[in-house]
Amino acid sequence: MNKFSISYKVTEYQKQFGEILTIEQAAFITGIKPEIVSILISHEIIETVKDHSTVSIHVKYIPKLKKVIRLHYDLGVGWSSMCLVLELLNRIDELENCLKQ
């Protein structure tokens, strides 16, 4: 999946749901249970927006949420080690971008 397709999908989600999503909306978009989204928030894997008394998710984090779900269910990465895996993947992306330049 390239960055264009990610931004296109985020734009489509913005049109349908707006900039700020509830936990239930984020769960619906990604096809998981709201309890899983809450677990990811409690492990600080997904960033939140504090809006009054509710916890919300910005629509720009949906691609990251989908990536986390794929890593967990397809590769068996545990929630407790997910931040480390995401950081390593980001470093690999940065190094690949440096090599392309």
N, C-alpha and C. Protein backbone atom coordinates (compact mmCIF):
# COMPACT_ATOMS: atom_id res chain seq x y z
N MET A 1 0.85 -1.17 0.00
CA MET A 1 0.00 0.00 0.00
C MET A 1 0.89 1.23 0.00
N ASN A 2 0.67 2.12 -0.94
CA ASN A 2 1.49 3.32 -1.00
C ASN A 2 0.85 4.46 -0.22
N LYS A 3 1.61 5.54 -0.06
CA LYS A 3 1.13 6.66 0.75
C LYS A 3 -0.07 7.34 0.12
N PHE A 4 -0.17 7.32 -1.21
CA PHE A 4 -1.32 7.93 -1.86
C PHE A 4 -2.60 7.20 -1.48
N SER A 5 -2.58 5.88 -1.50
CA SER A 5 -3.79 5.13 -1.17
C SER A 5 -4.16 5.31 0.29
N ILE A 6 -3.17 5.46 1.16
CA ILE A 6 -3.46 5.70 2.58
C ILE A 6 -4.14 7.05 2.75
N SER A 7 -3.59 8.10 2.11
CA SER A 7 -4.19 9.42 2.26
C SER A 7 -5.57 9.47 1.63
N TYR A 8 -5.78 8.74 0.54
CA TYR A 8 -7.09 8.69 -0.09
C TYR A 8 -8.12 8.08 0.86
N LYS A 9 -7.75 6.98 1.50
CA LYS A 9 -8.68 6.32 2.42
C LYS A 9 -8.97 7.21 3.62
N VAL A 10 -7.95 7.89 4.14
CA VAL A 10 -8.16 8.79 5.28
C VAL A 10 -9.13 9.89 4.87
N THR A 11 -8.98 10.43 3.66
CA THR A 11 -9.89 11.45 3.18
C THR A 11 -11.32 10.92 3.09
N GLU A 12 -11.46 9.70 2.62
CA GLU A 12 -12.80 9.11 2.55
C GLU A 12 -13.40 8.94 3.94
N TYR A 13 -12.59 8.52 4.92
CA TYR A 13 -13.08 8.39 6.29
C TYR A 13 -13.48 9.75 6.85
N GLN A 14 -12.68 10.79 6.52
CA GLN A 14 -13.00 12.13 6.99
C GLN A 14 -14.35 12.58 6.44
N LYS A 15 -14.62 12.30 5.18
CA LYS A 15 -15.90 12.68 4.59
C LYS A 15 -17.06 11.98 5.29
N GLN A 16 -16.85 10.73 5.62
CA GLN A 16 -17.94 9.94 6.19
C GLN A 16 -18.12 10.19 7.69
N PHE A 17 -17.01 10.29 8.44
CA PHE A 17 -17.10 10.36 9.90
C PHE A 17 -16.62 11.68 10.50
N GLY A 18 -15.85 12.46 9.77
CA GLY A 18 -15.27 13.68 10.32
C GLY A 18 -13.83 13.45 10.77
N GLU A 19 -13.24 14.49 11.35
CA GLU A 19 -11.84 14.43 11.78
C GLU A 19 -11.64 13.57 13.03
N ILE A 20 -12.57 13.65 13.95
CA ILE A 20 -12.44 12.98 15.25
C ILE A 20 -13.42 11.82 15.30
N LEU A 21 -12.90 10.64 15.66
CA LEU A 21 -13.70 9.43 15.71
C LEU A 21 -13.89 8.96 17.14
N THR A 22 -15.03 8.38 17.40
CA THR A 22 -15.23 7.70 18.67
C THR A 22 -14.52 6.35 18.60
N ILE A 23 -14.38 5.72 19.71
CA ILE A 23 -13.79 4.38 19.74
C ILE A 23 -14.63 3.42 18.91
N GLU A 24 -15.93 3.56 18.98
CA GLU A 24 -16.83 2.69 18.22
C GLU A 24 -16.67 2.90 16.72
N GLN A 25 -16.54 4.14 16.28
CA GLN A 25 -16.35 4.42 14.85
C GLN A 25 -15.01 3.87 14.36
N ALA A 26 -13.96 4.05 15.14
CA ALA A 26 -12.65 3.51 14.76
C ALA A 26 -12.69 1.99 14.68
N ALA A 27 -13.39 1.38 15.60
CA ALA A 27 -13.53 -0.08 15.58
C ALA A 27 -14.31 -0.53 14.35
N PHE A 28 -15.36 0.20 14.00
CA PHE A 28 -16.16 -0.14 12.83
C PHE A 28 -15.33 -0.05 11.55
N ILE A 29 -14.56 1.01 11.41
CA ILE A 29 -13.73 1.21 10.21
C ILE A 29 -12.71 0.10 10.06
N THR A 30 -12.10 -0.30 11.16
CA THR A 30 -11.04 -1.30 11.10
C THR A 30 -11.54 -2.73 11.21
N GLY A 31 -12.82 -2.90 11.54
CA GLY A 31 -13.40 -4.24 11.60
C GLY A 31 -13.04 -5.02 12.85
N ILE A 32 -12.78 -4.31 13.93
CA ILE A 32 -12.46 -4.98 15.20
C ILE A 32 -13.46 -4.55 16.26
N LYS A 33 -13.37 -5.17 17.42
CA LYS A 33 -14.25 -4.82 18.53
C LYS A 33 -13.75 -3.55 19.21
N PRO A 34 -14.66 -2.74 19.74
CA PRO A 34 -14.25 -1.54 20.48
C PRO A 34 -13.34 -1.85 21.67
N GLU A 35 -13.48 -3.05 22.26
CA GLU A 35 -12.63 -3.42 23.38
C GLU A 35 -11.16 -3.51 22.96
N ILE A 36 -10.92 -3.96 21.72
CA ILE A 36 -9.54 -4.04 21.22
C ILE A 36 -8.96 -2.64 21.06
N VAL A 37 -9.76 -1.71 20.55
CA VAL A 37 -9.29 -0.32 20.42
C VAL A 37 -8.96 0.24 21.80
N SER A 38 -9.78 -0.07 22.77
CA SER A 38 -9.51 0.38 24.15
C SER A 38 -8.22 -0.21 24.69
N ILE A 39 -7.93 -1.46 24.38
CA ILE A 39 -6.68 -2.09 24.80
C ILE A 39 -5.50 -1.36 24.17
N LEU A 40 -5.60 -1.05 22.89
CA LEU A 40 -4.51 -0.35 22.21
C LEU A 40 -4.29 1.04 22.80
N ILE A 41 -5.36 1.69 23.18
CA ILE A 41 -5.25 3.00 23.82
C ILE A 41 -4.61 2.86 25.19
N SER A 42 -5.00 1.85 25.95
CA SER A 42 -4.44 1.67 27.29
C SER A 42 -2.95 1.33 27.25
N HIS A 43 -2.50 0.65 26.16
CA HIS A 43 -1.08 0.35 25.99
C HIS A 43 -0.32 1.49 25.30
N GLU A 44 -1.04 2.59 25.04
CA GLU A 44 -0.48 3.79 24.40
C GLU A 44 0.09 3.48 23.02
N ILE A 45 -0.52 2.55 22.32
CA ILE A 45 -0.12 2.22 20.96
C ILE A 45 -0.78 3.19 19.98
N ILE A 46 -2.02 3.55 20.27
CA ILE A 46 -2.77 4.50 19.46
C ILE A 46 -2.95 5.78 20.26
N GLU A 47 -2.62 6.91 19.64
CA GLU A 47 -2.76 8.21 20.29
C GLU A 47 -4.24 8.61 20.31
N THR A 48 -4.61 9.36 21.34
CA THR A 48 -5.99 9.78 21.49
C THR A 48 -6.09 11.30 21.53
N VAL A 49 -7.32 11.76 21.36
CA VAL A 49 -7.64 13.18 21.47
C VAL A 49 -8.57 13.31 22.66
N LYS A 50 -8.19 14.12 23.63
CA LYS A 50 -9.04 14.33 24.80
C LYS A 50 -10.06 15.41 24.44
N ASP A 51 -11.31 14.99 24.28
CA ASP A 51 -12.38 15.90 23.90
C ASP A 51 -13.42 15.88 25.00
N HIS A 52 -13.37 16.89 25.86
CA HIS A 52 -14.25 16.97 27.02
C HIS A 52 -14.02 15.74 27.91
N SER A 53 -15.04 14.93 28.09
CA SER A 53 -14.89 13.76 28.96
C SER A 53 -14.75 12.46 28.17
N THR A 54 -14.82 12.54 26.85
CA THR A 54 -14.72 11.33 26.03
C THR A 54 -13.33 11.18 25.44
N VAL A 55 -12.95 9.97 25.18
CA VAL A 55 -11.69 9.67 24.52
C VAL A 55 -11.99 9.42 23.05
N SER A 56 -11.29 10.14 22.18
CA SER A 56 -11.52 10.03 20.75
C SER A 56 -10.21 9.78 20.04
N ILE A 57 -10.33 9.39 18.77
CA ILE A 57 -9.16 9.09 17.94
C ILE A 57 -9.23 9.95 16.70
N HIS A 58 -8.12 10.58 16.34
CA HIS A 58 -8.08 11.36 15.10
C HIS A 58 -8.07 10.40 13.92
N VAL A 59 -8.74 10.80 12.86
CA VAL A 59 -8.89 9.93 11.69
C VAL A 59 -7.54 9.59 11.04
N LYS A 60 -6.53 10.43 11.25
CA LYS A 60 -5.22 10.17 10.65
C LYS A 60 -4.53 8.94 11.25
N TYR A 61 -5.01 8.46 12.40
CA TYR A 61 -4.41 7.28 13.03
C TYR A 61 -5.04 5.97 12.58
N ILE A 62 -6.03 6.01 11.71
CA ILE A 62 -6.66 4.79 11.22
C ILE A 62 -5.67 3.89 10.48
N PRO A 63 -4.82 4.41 9.58
CA PRO A 63 -3.84 3.52 8.95
C PRO A 63 -2.92 2.83 9.96
N LYS A 64 -2.51 3.54 10.99
CA LYS A 64 -1.66 2.94 12.03
C LYS A 64 -2.45 1.86 12.78
N LEU A 65 -3.70 2.14 13.05
CA LEU A 65 -4.54 1.16 13.73
C LEU A 65 -4.68 -0.11 12.90
N LYS A 66 -4.87 0.04 11.60
CA LYS A 66 -4.97 -1.12 10.72
C LYS A 66 -3.66 -1.90 10.67
N LYS A 67 -2.55 -1.18 10.68
CA LYS A 67 -1.23 -1.83 10.67
C LYS A 67 -1.03 -2.64 11.95
N VAL A 68 -1.40 -2.07 13.07
CA VAL A 68 -1.27 -2.75 14.37
C VAL A 68 -2.10 -4.03 14.38
N ILE A 69 -3.30 -3.95 13.85
CA ILE A 69 -4.18 -5.12 13.82
C ILE A 69 -3.57 -6.22 12.94
N ARG A 70 -3.02 -5.82 11.78
CA ARG A 70 -2.37 -6.81 10.90
C ARG A 70 -1.17 -7.45 11.59
N LEU A 71 -0.35 -6.64 12.25
CA LEU A 71 0.82 -7.19 12.94
C LEU A 71 0.41 -8.17 14.03
N HIS A 72 -0.65 -7.84 14.74
CA HIS A 72 -1.08 -8.71 15.84
C HIS A 72 -1.68 -10.01 15.33
N TYR A 73 -2.63 -9.91 14.42
CA TYR A 73 -3.35 -11.11 13.99
C TYR A 73 -2.62 -11.92 12.94
N ASP A 74 -1.86 -11.27 12.07
CA ASP A 74 -1.15 -12.02 11.02
C ASP A 74 0.21 -12.53 11.48
N LEU A 75 0.92 -11.74 12.28
CA LEU A 75 2.27 -12.14 12.69
C LEU A 75 2.38 -12.52 14.17
N GLY A 76 1.31 -12.32 14.92
CA GLY A 76 1.33 -12.72 16.32
C GLY A 76 2.10 -11.79 17.24
N VAL A 77 2.27 -10.54 16.84
CA VAL A 77 2.97 -9.57 17.70
C VAL A 77 2.05 -9.22 18.86
N GLY A 78 2.56 -9.34 20.07
CA GLY A 78 1.77 -9.05 21.27
C GLY A 78 1.59 -7.56 21.49
N TRP A 79 0.54 -7.22 22.24
CA TRP A 79 0.26 -5.80 22.50
C TRP A 79 1.41 -5.15 23.26
N SER A 80 2.03 -5.89 24.18
CA SER A 80 3.09 -5.29 25.00
C SER A 80 4.35 -5.00 24.20
N SER A 81 4.59 -5.72 23.11
CA SER A 81 5.78 -5.46 22.31
C SER A 81 5.48 -4.68 21.03
N MET A 82 4.24 -4.27 20.85
CA MET A 82 3.83 -3.59 19.62
C MET A 82 4.56 -2.26 19.41
N CYS A 83 4.75 -1.48 20.45
CA CYS A 83 5.44 -0.19 20.31
C CYS A 83 6.86 -0.37 19.79
N LEU A 84 7.54 -1.38 20.30
CA LEU A 84 8.90 -1.66 19.85
C LEU A 84 8.91 -2.05 18.38
N VAL A 85 8.00 -2.90 17.97
CA VAL A 85 7.93 -3.34 16.57
C VAL A 85 7.61 -2.15 15.66
N LEU A 86 6.68 -1.29 16.07
CA LEU A 86 6.35 -0.11 15.26
C LEU A 86 7.54 0.83 15.13
N GLU A 87 8.27 1.01 16.21
CA GLU A 87 9.46 1.87 16.17
C GLU A 87 10.51 1.30 15.23
N LEU A 88 10.74 0.00 15.28
CA LEU A 88 11.70 -0.63 14.37
C LEU A 88 11.26 -0.51 12.92
N LEU A 89 9.98 -0.68 12.66
CA LEU A 89 9.47 -0.52 11.29
C LEU A 89 9.63 0.92 10.80
N ASN A 90 9.42 1.89 11.68
CA ASN A 90 9.64 3.29 11.30
C ASN A 90 11.10 3.56 10.98
N ARG A 91 12.00 2.99 11.77
CA ARG A 91 13.43 3.17 11.50
C ARG A 91 13.83 2.54 10.18
N ILE A 92 13.27 1.38 9.87
CA ILE A 92 13.55 0.73 8.58
C ILE A 92 13.07 1.62 7.44
N ASP A 93 11.87 2.18 7.57
CA ASP A 93 11.34 3.08 6.54
C ASP A 93 12.25 4.30 6.35
N GLU A 94 12.73 4.88 7.45
CA GLU A 94 13.62 6.03 7.37
C GLU A 94 14.92 5.67 6.66
N LEU A 95 15.49 4.52 7.00
CA LEU A 95 16.74 4.10 6.37
C LEU A 95 16.55 3.82 4.88
N GLU A 96 15.43 3.22 4.52
CA GLU A 96 15.15 2.97 3.11
C GLU A 96 14.98 4.28 2.34
N ASN A 97 14.34 5.26 2.98
CA ASN A 97 14.18 6.57 2.34
C ASN A 97 15.53 7.26 2.16
N CYS A 98 16.43 7.11 3.12
CA CYS A 98 17.78 7.69 2.99
C CYS A 98 18.55 7.03 1.85
N LEU A 99 18.39 5.73 1.70
CA LEU A 99 19.09 5.03 0.63
C LEU A 99 18.56 5.41 -0.74
N LYS A 100 17.30 5.75 -0.85
CA LYS A 100 16.72 6.13 -2.13
C LYS A 100 17.20 7.50 -2.60
N GLN A 101 17.61 8.33 -1.66
CA GLN A 101 18.03 9.71 -2.01
C GLN A 101 19.44 9.77 -2.51
